[in-house]
Amino acid sequence: MKLLQEKNNNQKPLNETIKTIFSILSSEPKQKNAKLTNIWPKVAGAEIAKRTKVKFSKSGVTVTTNSSAFAFEISQKFGDLILKRLQNEFGENEVQKIWVNVGRID
């Protein structure tokens, strides 16, 4: 009986446990995006990095630039190389594809 009492004293209310779980789950994408942003200049090169914005998507990475010509150049010339470098950093299961879009980067 004493063992049961000790266990009960260490238990947290269900709402605290749920908050903790959601906090852990929601911070993981933020951490991945922060790491992606930090290593992006190394992965893509300084010129591409300063003209783009990146974030994780469902099964890959979305690269946004404000120029359609530059988006085409990235996807055609550098897409495979950038994909391989991202896979080396995050794993092939985490980054299966990169998408290059045109949009606002500010």
C-alpha atoms as a PDB file:
ATOM      1  CA  MET A   1       0.000   0.000   0.000  1.00  0.00           C
ATOM      2  CA  LYS A   2       2.859   2.367   0.754  1.00  0.00           C
ATOM      3  CA  LEU A   3       4.280   1.839  -2.748  1.00  0.00           C
ATOM      4  CA  LEU A   4       0.945   2.849  -4.284  1.00  0.00           C
ATOM      5  CA  GLN A   5       0.869   6.005  -2.213  1.00  0.00           C
ATOM      6  CA  GLU A   6       4.375   6.939  -3.364  1.00  0.00           C
ATOM      7  CA  LYS A   7       3.406   6.447  -7.000  1.00  0.00           C
ATOM      8  CA  ASN A   8       0.329   8.619  -6.619  1.00  0.00           C
ATOM      9  CA  ASN A   9       2.372  11.449  -5.118  1.00  0.00           C
ATOM     10  CA  ASN A  10       4.592  11.551  -8.223  1.00  0.00           C
ATOM     11  CA  GLN A  11       1.765  11.640 -10.743  1.00  0.00           C
ATOM     12  CA  LYS A  12       0.962  14.812 -12.631  1.00  0.00           C
ATOM     13  CA  PRO A  13      -2.537  15.882 -13.543  1.00  0.00           C
ATOM     14  CA  LEU A  14      -3.606  14.755 -17.009  1.00  0.00           C
ATOM     15  CA  ASN A  15      -3.804  18.302 -18.365  1.00  0.00           C
ATOM     16  CA  GLU A  16      -0.138  18.930 -17.441  1.00  0.00           C
ATOM     17  CA  THR A  17       0.903  15.717 -19.161  1.00  0.00           C
ATOM     18  CA  ILE A  18      -1.030  16.639 -22.302  1.00  0.00           C
ATOM     19  CA  LYS A  19       0.503  20.138 -22.329  1.00  0.00           C
ATOM     20  CA  THR A  20       3.968  18.609 -22.041  1.00  0.00           C
ATOM     21  CA  ILE A  21       3.340  16.222 -24.922  1.00  0.00           C
ATOM     22  CA  PHE A  22       2.008  18.988 -27.181  1.00  0.00           C
ATOM     23  CA  SER A  23       4.924  21.211 -26.260  1.00  0.00           C
ATOM     24  CA  ILE A  24       7.406  18.530 -27.273  1.00  0.00           C
ATOM     25  CA  LEU A  25       5.576  17.770 -30.509  1.00  0.00           C
ATOM     26  CA  SER A  26       5.199  21.399 -31.519  1.00  0.00           C
ATOM     27  CA  SER A  27       8.819  22.293 -30.773  1.00  0.00           C
ATOM     28  CA  GLU A  28      10.258  19.589 -33.044  1.00  0.00           C
ATOM     29  CA  PRO A  29       9.259  21.305 -36.328  1.00  0.00           C
ATOM     30  CA  LYS A  30      10.505  24.620 -34.956  1.00  0.00           C
ATOM     31  CA  GLN A  31      13.843  23.050 -34.108  1.00  0.00           C
ATOM     32  CA  LYS A  32      14.144  21.468 -37.559  1.00  0.00           C
ATOM     33  CA  ASN A  33      13.316  24.752 -39.274  1.00  0.00           C
ATOM     34  CA  ALA A  34      15.810  26.602 -37.074  1.00  0.00           C
ATOM     35  CA  LYS A  35      18.527  24.095 -37.970  1.00  0.00           C
ATOM     36  CA  LEU A  36      17.570  24.330 -41.648  1.00  0.00           C
ATOM     37  CA  THR A  37      17.813  28.120 -41.578  1.00  0.00           C
ATOM     38  CA  ASN A  38      21.203  27.954 -39.855  1.00  0.00           C
ATOM     39  CA  ILE A  39      22.772  25.465 -42.259  1.00  0.00           C
ATOM     40  CA  TRP A  40      21.106  26.795 -45.416  1.00  0.00           C
ATOM     41  CA  PRO A  41      24.093  28.989 -46.481  1.00  0.00           C
ATOM     42  CA  LYS A  42      26.396  25.974 -46.153  1.00  0.00           C
ATOM     43  CA  VAL A  43      24.008  23.676 -48.037  1.00  0.00           C
ATOM     44  CA  ALA A  44      22.957  26.027 -50.843  1.00  0.00           C
ATOM     45  CA  GLY A  45      25.853  28.452 -50.992  1.00  0.00           C
ATOM     46  CA  ALA A  46      25.944  32.099 -49.981  1.00  0.00           C
ATOM     47  CA  GLU A  47      24.476  33.517 -53.205  1.00  0.00           C
ATOM     48  CA  ILE A  48      21.430  31.227 -53.189  1.00  0.00           C
ATOM     49  CA  ALA A  49      20.964  31.565 -49.427  1.00  0.00           C
ATOM     50  CA  LYS A  50      20.765  35.351 -49.456  1.00  0.00           C
ATOM     51  CA  ARG A  51      18.133  35.336 -52.235  1.00  0.00           C
ATOM     52  CA  THR A  52      15.908  32.603 -50.778  1.00  0.00           C
ATOM     53  CA  LYS A  53      13.882  31.549 -47.767  1.00  0.00           C
ATOM     54  CA  VAL A  54      13.530  27.889 -46.721  1.00  0.00           C
ATOM     55  CA  LYS A  55      11.239  25.829 -44.525  1.00  0.00           C
ATOM     56  CA  PHE A  56      10.297  22.223 -44.008  1.00  0.00           C
ATOM     57  CA  SER A  57       7.195  20.971 -45.773  1.00  0.00           C
ATOM     58  CA  LYS A  58       5.381  17.657 -45.498  1.00  0.00           C
ATOM     59  CA  SER A  59       8.141  15.396 -46.847  1.00  0.00           C
ATOM     60  CA  GLY A  60      10.734  17.840 -47.994  1.00  0.00           C
ATOM     61  CA  VAL A  61      11.903  21.418 -48.093  1.00  0.00           C
ATOM     62  CA  THR A  62      10.289  24.420 -49.750  1.00  0.00           C
ATOM     63  CA  VAL A  63      12.643  27.036 -51.165  1.00  0.00           C
ATOM     64  CA  THR A  64      11.108  30.423 -51.938  1.00  0.00           C
ATOM     65  CA  THR A  65      12.667  33.156 -54.054  1.00  0.00           C
ATOM     66  CA  ASN A  66      11.216  36.348 -55.488  1.00  0.00           C
ATOM     67  CA  SER A  67      12.450  35.697 -59.038  1.00  0.00           C
ATOM     68  CA  SER A  68      10.972  33.113 -61.393  1.00  0.00           C
ATOM     69  CA  ALA A  69      14.210  32.983 -63.395  1.00  0.00           C
ATOM     70  CA  PHE A  70      16.214  32.316 -60.242  1.00  0.00           C
ATOM     71  CA  ALA A  71      13.693  29.673 -59.125  1.00  0.00           C
ATOM     72  CA  PHE A  72      14.130  27.916 -62.468  1.00  0.00           C
ATOM     73  CA  GLU A  73      17.913  28.118 -62.189  1.00  0.00           C
ATOM     74  CA  ILE A  74      17.894  26.675 -58.666  1.00  0.00           C
ATOM     75  CA  SER A  75      15.617  23.799 -59.577  1.00  0.00           C
ATOM     76  CA  GLN A  76      17.416  22.917 -62.824  1.00  0.00           C
ATOM     77  CA  LYS A  77      21.072  23.523 -61.986  1.00  0.00           C
ATOM     78  CA  PHE A  78      21.314  23.007 -58.253  1.00  0.00           C
ATOM     79  CA  GLY A  79      18.238  21.039 -57.189  1.00  0.00           C
ATOM     80  CA  ASP A  80      19.828  17.580 -57.086  1.00  0.00           C
ATOM     81  CA  LEU A  81      22.940  18.810 -55.289  1.00  0.00           C
ATOM     82  CA  ILE A  82      20.927  20.734 -52.698  1.00  0.00           C
ATOM     83  CA  LEU A  83      18.638  17.727 -52.166  1.00  0.00           C
ATOM     84  CA  LYS A  84      21.608  15.418 -51.518  1.00  0.00           C
ATOM     85  CA  ARG A  85      23.173  17.885 -49.087  1.00  0.00           C
ATOM     86  CA  LEU A  86      19.883  18.258 -47.195  1.00  0.00           C
ATOM     87  CA  GLN A  87      19.504  14.487 -47.051  1.00  0.00           C
ATOM     88  CA  ASN A  88      23.022  14.219 -45.626  1.00  0.00           C
ATOM     89  CA  GLU A  89      22.079  16.692 -42.893  1.00  0.00           C
ATOM     90  CA  PHE A  90      18.555  15.489 -42.046  1.00  0.00           C
ATOM     91  CA  GLY A  91      18.237  11.996 -43.525  1.00  0.00           C
ATOM     92  CA  GLU A  92      16.589  10.703 -46.681  1.00  0.00           C
ATOM     93  CA  ASN A  93      13.275  10.059 -44.932  1.00  0.00           C
ATOM     94  CA  GLU A  94      13.033  13.666 -43.713  1.00  0.00           C
ATOM     95  CA  VAL A  95      13.901  15.299 -47.039  1.00  0.00           C
ATOM     96  CA  GLN A  96      12.544  13.382 -50.009  1.00  0.00           C
ATOM     97  CA  LYS A  97      12.046  16.361 -52.310  1.00  0.00           C
ATOM     98  CA  ILE A  98      12.650  20.065 -52.631  1.00  0.00           C
ATOM     99  CA  TRP A  99      10.127  22.483 -54.062  1.00  0.00           C
ATOM    100  CA  VAL A 100      11.209  25.839 -55.457  1.00  0.00           C
ATOM    101  CA  ASN A 101       8.495  28.501 -55.422  1.00  0.00           C
ATOM    102  CA  VAL A 102       8.259  32.142 -56.334  1.00  0.00           C
ATOM    103  CA  GLY A 103       7.013  34.415 -53.568  1.00  0.00           C
ATOM    104  CA  ARG A 104       7.903  37.001 -50.995  1.00  0.00           C
ATOM    105  CA  ILE A 105      11.083  36.385 -49.058  1.00  0.00           C
ATOM    106  CA  ASP A 106      11.071  39.336 -46.639  1.00  0.00           C
END
